[in-house]
Amino acid sequence: MSTLELFIPIVAIVFSHSLAFGVLYIYLRNRNRERMLMIEKGVDPSIYMQKKGTSSSTALKYGLFLVGIAVGIIMGAIISQTTSMVDGFAYLSMILLFGGIGLMAYYLIERKKDDRTNG
């Protein structure tokens, strides 16, 4: 193995980590600047803060999404075994399909809950 082949994974790892750090740093710096400007102008910055959802609602969303992914993996395995579809396409399409169905189910459950509380 030559030294050039050795440096390629090292450079890739360093670059990807520094890219993630850079994006996070710029996001947090700009958010802080925006809030400081709001304070200087006399606007309360807490009105723009996101309200945290209830933990049960978040747990339901991630639970339905992960169940959808698991069902998608199972269906991808069934499709790849029973048809001539390429394994990668079968798995990826089923994971995306059932993950999306899980998120849509979450949306419908939350909308029905909001209708009951507001209506």
C-alpha atoms as a PDB file:
ATOM      1  CA  MET A   1       0.000   0.000   0.000  1.00  0.00           C
ATOM      2  CA  SER A   2       1.480   3.345  -0.992  1.00  0.00           C
ATOM      3  CA  THR A   3       1.437   6.392   1.221  1.00  0.00           C
ATOM      4  CA  LEU A   4      -1.067   8.111  -1.071  1.00  0.00           C
ATOM      5  CA  GLU A   5      -3.546   5.252  -0.612  1.00  0.00           C
ATOM      6  CA  LEU A   6      -3.057   5.541   3.132  1.00  0.00           C
ATOM      7  CA  PHE A   7      -3.832   9.263   3.224  1.00  0.00           C
ATOM      8  CA  ILE A   8      -7.096   9.066   1.261  1.00  0.00           C
ATOM      9  CA  PRO A   9      -9.219   7.635   4.128  1.00  0.00           C
ATOM     10  CA  ILE A  10      -7.533   9.924   6.641  1.00  0.00           C
ATOM     11  CA  VAL A  11      -8.275  13.012   4.549  1.00  0.00           C
ATOM     12  CA  ALA A  12     -11.859  11.832   3.981  1.00  0.00           C
ATOM     13  CA  ILE A  13     -12.469  11.343   7.702  1.00  0.00           C
ATOM     14  CA  VAL A  14     -10.892  14.667   8.660  1.00  0.00           C
ATOM     15  CA  PHE A  15     -12.789  16.520   5.910  1.00  0.00           C
ATOM     16  CA  SER A  16     -16.170  15.017   6.808  1.00  0.00           C
ATOM     17  CA  HIS A  17     -15.758  15.770  10.512  1.00  0.00           C
ATOM     18  CA  SER A  18     -14.572  19.322   9.882  1.00  0.00           C
ATOM     19  CA  LEU A  19     -17.468  19.897   7.484  1.00  0.00           C
ATOM     20  CA  ALA A  20     -19.987  18.782  10.105  1.00  0.00           C
ATOM     21  CA  PHE A  21     -18.307  20.926  12.767  1.00  0.00           C
ATOM     22  CA  GLY A  22     -18.196  23.934  10.435  1.00  0.00           C
ATOM     23  CA  VAL A  23     -21.879  23.733   9.557  1.00  0.00           C
ATOM     24  CA  LEU A  24     -22.848  23.396  13.225  1.00  0.00           C
ATOM     25  CA  TYR A  25     -20.585  26.294  14.207  1.00  0.00           C
ATOM     26  CA  ILE A  26     -22.001  28.631  11.544  1.00  0.00           C
ATOM     27  CA  TYR A  27     -25.578  27.689  12.465  1.00  0.00           C
ATOM     28  CA  LEU A  28     -25.061  28.338  16.175  1.00  0.00           C
ATOM     29  CA  ARG A  29     -23.121  31.572  15.570  1.00  0.00           C
ATOM     30  CA  ASN A  30     -25.817  32.989  13.293  1.00  0.00           C
ATOM     31  CA  ARG A  31     -28.579  31.986  15.681  1.00  0.00           C
ATOM     32  CA  ASN A  32     -26.775  33.749  18.524  1.00  0.00           C
ATOM     33  CA  ARG A  33     -26.265  36.898  16.418  1.00  0.00           C
ATOM     34  CA  GLU A  34     -29.923  36.942  15.460  1.00  0.00           C
ATOM     35  CA  ARG A  35     -31.025  36.655  19.084  1.00  0.00           C
ATOM     36  CA  MET A  36     -28.621  39.382  20.183  1.00  0.00           C
ATOM     37  CA  LEU A  37     -29.996  41.716  17.507  1.00  0.00           C
ATOM     38  CA  MET A  38     -33.531  40.947  18.671  1.00  0.00           C
ATOM     39  CA  ILE A  39     -32.580  41.801  22.246  1.00  0.00           C
ATOM     40  CA  GLU A  40     -30.966  45.062  21.104  1.00  0.00           C
ATOM     41  CA  LYS A  41     -34.149  46.064  19.243  1.00  0.00           C
ATOM     42  CA  GLY A  42     -36.298  45.221  22.276  1.00  0.00           C
ATOM     43  CA  VAL A  43     -38.002  42.150  20.825  1.00  0.00           C
ATOM     44  CA  ASP A  44     -38.421  39.114  23.042  1.00  0.00           C
ATOM     45  CA  PRO A  45     -36.516  36.265  21.330  1.00  0.00           C
ATOM     46  CA  SER A  46     -38.461  33.600  23.222  1.00  0.00           C
ATOM     47  CA  ILE A  47     -41.436  34.044  20.879  1.00  0.00           C
ATOM     48  CA  TYR A  48     -39.386  32.469  18.081  1.00  0.00           C
ATOM     49  CA  MET A  49     -38.197  29.494  20.083  1.00  0.00           C
ATOM     50  CA  GLN A  50     -39.786  26.207  19.133  1.00  0.00           C
ATOM     51  CA  LYS A  51     -42.106  24.690  21.638  1.00  0.00           C
ATOM     52  CA  LYS A  52     -41.002  21.227  22.540  1.00  0.00           C
ATOM     53  CA  GLY A  53     -43.549  18.570  21.702  1.00  0.00           C
ATOM     54  CA  THR A  54     -44.727  16.206  24.316  1.00  0.00           C
ATOM     55  CA  SER A  55     -42.473  13.241  24.860  1.00  0.00           C
ATOM     56  CA  SER A  56     -45.300  10.835  24.056  1.00  0.00           C
ATOM     57  CA  SER A  57     -45.840  12.525  20.714  1.00  0.00           C
ATOM     58  CA  THR A  58     -42.146  12.345  19.824  1.00  0.00           C
ATOM     59  CA  ALA A  59     -41.932   8.758  20.973  1.00  0.00           C
ATOM     60  CA  LEU A  60     -44.957   7.872  18.862  1.00  0.00           C
ATOM     61  CA  LYS A  61     -43.438   9.494  15.774  1.00  0.00           C
ATOM     62  CA  TYR A  62     -40.090   7.731  16.084  1.00  0.00           C
ATOM     63  CA  GLY A  63     -41.755   4.481  17.084  1.00  0.00           C
ATOM     64  CA  LEU A  64     -44.004   4.413  14.028  1.00  0.00           C
ATOM     65  CA  PHE A  65     -41.081   5.415  11.791  1.00  0.00           C
ATOM     66  CA  LEU A  66     -38.826   2.647  13.117  1.00  0.00           C
ATOM     67  CA  VAL A  67     -41.608   0.057  12.890  1.00  0.00           C
ATOM     68  CA  GLY A  68     -42.145   1.159   9.298  1.00  0.00           C
ATOM     69  CA  ILE A  69     -38.439   0.709   8.565  1.00  0.00           C
ATOM     70  CA  ALA A  70     -38.469  -2.756  10.143  1.00  0.00           C
ATOM     71  CA  VAL A  71     -41.492  -3.794   8.087  1.00  0.00           C
ATOM     72  CA  GLY A  72     -39.775  -2.338   5.031  1.00  0.00           C
ATOM     73  CA  ILE A  73     -36.681  -4.470   5.651  1.00  0.00           C
ATOM     74  CA  ILE A  74     -38.831  -7.580   5.995  1.00  0.00           C
ATOM     75  CA  MET A  75     -40.806  -6.767   2.855  1.00  0.00           C
ATOM     76  CA  GLY A  76     -37.576  -5.997   0.977  1.00  0.00           C
ATOM     77  CA  ALA A  77     -36.239  -9.427   1.912  1.00  0.00           C
ATOM     78  CA  ILE A  78     -39.456 -11.098   0.781  1.00  0.00           C
ATOM     79  CA  ILE A  79     -39.463  -9.225  -2.532  1.00  0.00           C
ATOM     80  CA  SER A  80     -35.780  -9.906  -3.208  1.00  0.00           C
ATOM     81  CA  GLN A  81     -36.312 -13.642  -2.566  1.00  0.00           C
ATOM     82  CA  THR A  82     -39.529 -14.059  -4.549  1.00  0.00           C
ATOM     83  CA  THR A  83     -38.878 -11.789  -7.545  1.00  0.00           C
ATOM     84  CA  SER A  84     -35.975 -11.044  -9.830  1.00  0.00           C
ATOM     85  CA  MET A  85     -35.720  -7.482  -8.491  1.00  0.00           C
ATOM     86  CA  VAL A  86     -32.210  -6.387  -7.507  1.00  0.00           C
ATOM     87  CA  ASP A  87     -31.640  -6.686  -3.741  1.00  0.00           C
ATOM     88  CA  GLY A  88     -30.619  -3.074  -3.213  1.00  0.00           C
ATOM     89  CA  PHE A  89     -33.653  -1.662  -4.985  1.00  0.00           C
ATOM     90  CA  ALA A  90     -36.022  -4.008  -3.193  1.00  0.00           C
ATOM     91  CA  TYR A  91     -34.691  -3.111   0.249  1.00  0.00           C
ATOM     92  CA  LEU A  92     -34.374   0.620  -0.371  1.00  0.00           C
ATOM     93  CA  SER A  93     -37.788   1.027  -1.957  1.00  0.00           C
ATOM     94  CA  MET A  94     -39.565  -0.924   0.762  1.00  0.00           C
ATOM     95  CA  ILE A  95     -37.720   0.865   3.588  1.00  0.00           C
ATOM     96  CA  LEU A  96     -38.633   4.261   2.144  1.00  0.00           C
ATOM     97  CA  LEU A  97     -42.207   3.202   1.419  1.00  0.00           C
ATOM     98  CA  PHE A  98     -42.975   1.771   4.845  1.00  0.00           C
ATOM     99  CA  GLY A  99     -40.996   4.468   6.689  1.00  0.00           C
ATOM    100  CA  GLY A 100     -43.134   7.057   4.895  1.00  0.00           C
ATOM    101  CA  ILE A 101     -46.303   5.134   5.711  1.00  0.00           C
ATOM    102  CA  GLY A 102     -45.262   5.167   9.384  1.00  0.00           C
ATOM    103  CA  LEU A 103     -44.798   8.952   9.307  1.00  0.00           C
ATOM    104  CA  MET A 104     -48.136   9.405   7.534  1.00  0.00           C
ATOM    105  CA  ALA A 105     -49.809   7.280  10.215  1.00  0.00           C
ATOM    106  CA  TYR A 106     -48.253   9.540  12.859  1.00  0.00           C
ATOM    107  CA  TYR A 107     -49.599  12.615  11.059  1.00  0.00           C
ATOM    108  CA  LEU A 108     -53.104  11.159  10.905  1.00  0.00           C
ATOM    109  CA  ILE A 109     -53.033  10.203  14.596  1.00  0.00           C
ATOM    110  CA  GLU A 110     -51.845  13.674  15.617  1.00  0.00           C
ATOM    111  CA  ARG A 111     -54.420  15.394  13.402  1.00  0.00           C
ATOM    112  CA  LYS A 112     -57.207  13.293  14.892  1.00  0.00           C
ATOM    113  CA  LYS A 113     -55.942  14.125  18.402  1.00  0.00           C
ATOM    114  CA  ASP A 114     -55.855  17.848  17.572  1.00  0.00           C
ATOM    115  CA  ASP A 115     -59.383  17.703  16.141  1.00  0.00           C
ATOM    116  CA  ARG A 116     -60.644  16.142  19.360  1.00  0.00           C
ATOM    117  CA  THR A 117     -58.957  18.738  21.573  1.00  0.00           C
ATOM    118  CA  ASN A 118     -59.838  21.780  19.415  1.00  0.00           C
ATOM    119  CA  GLY A 119     -63.244  20.689  18.172  1.00  0.00           C
END
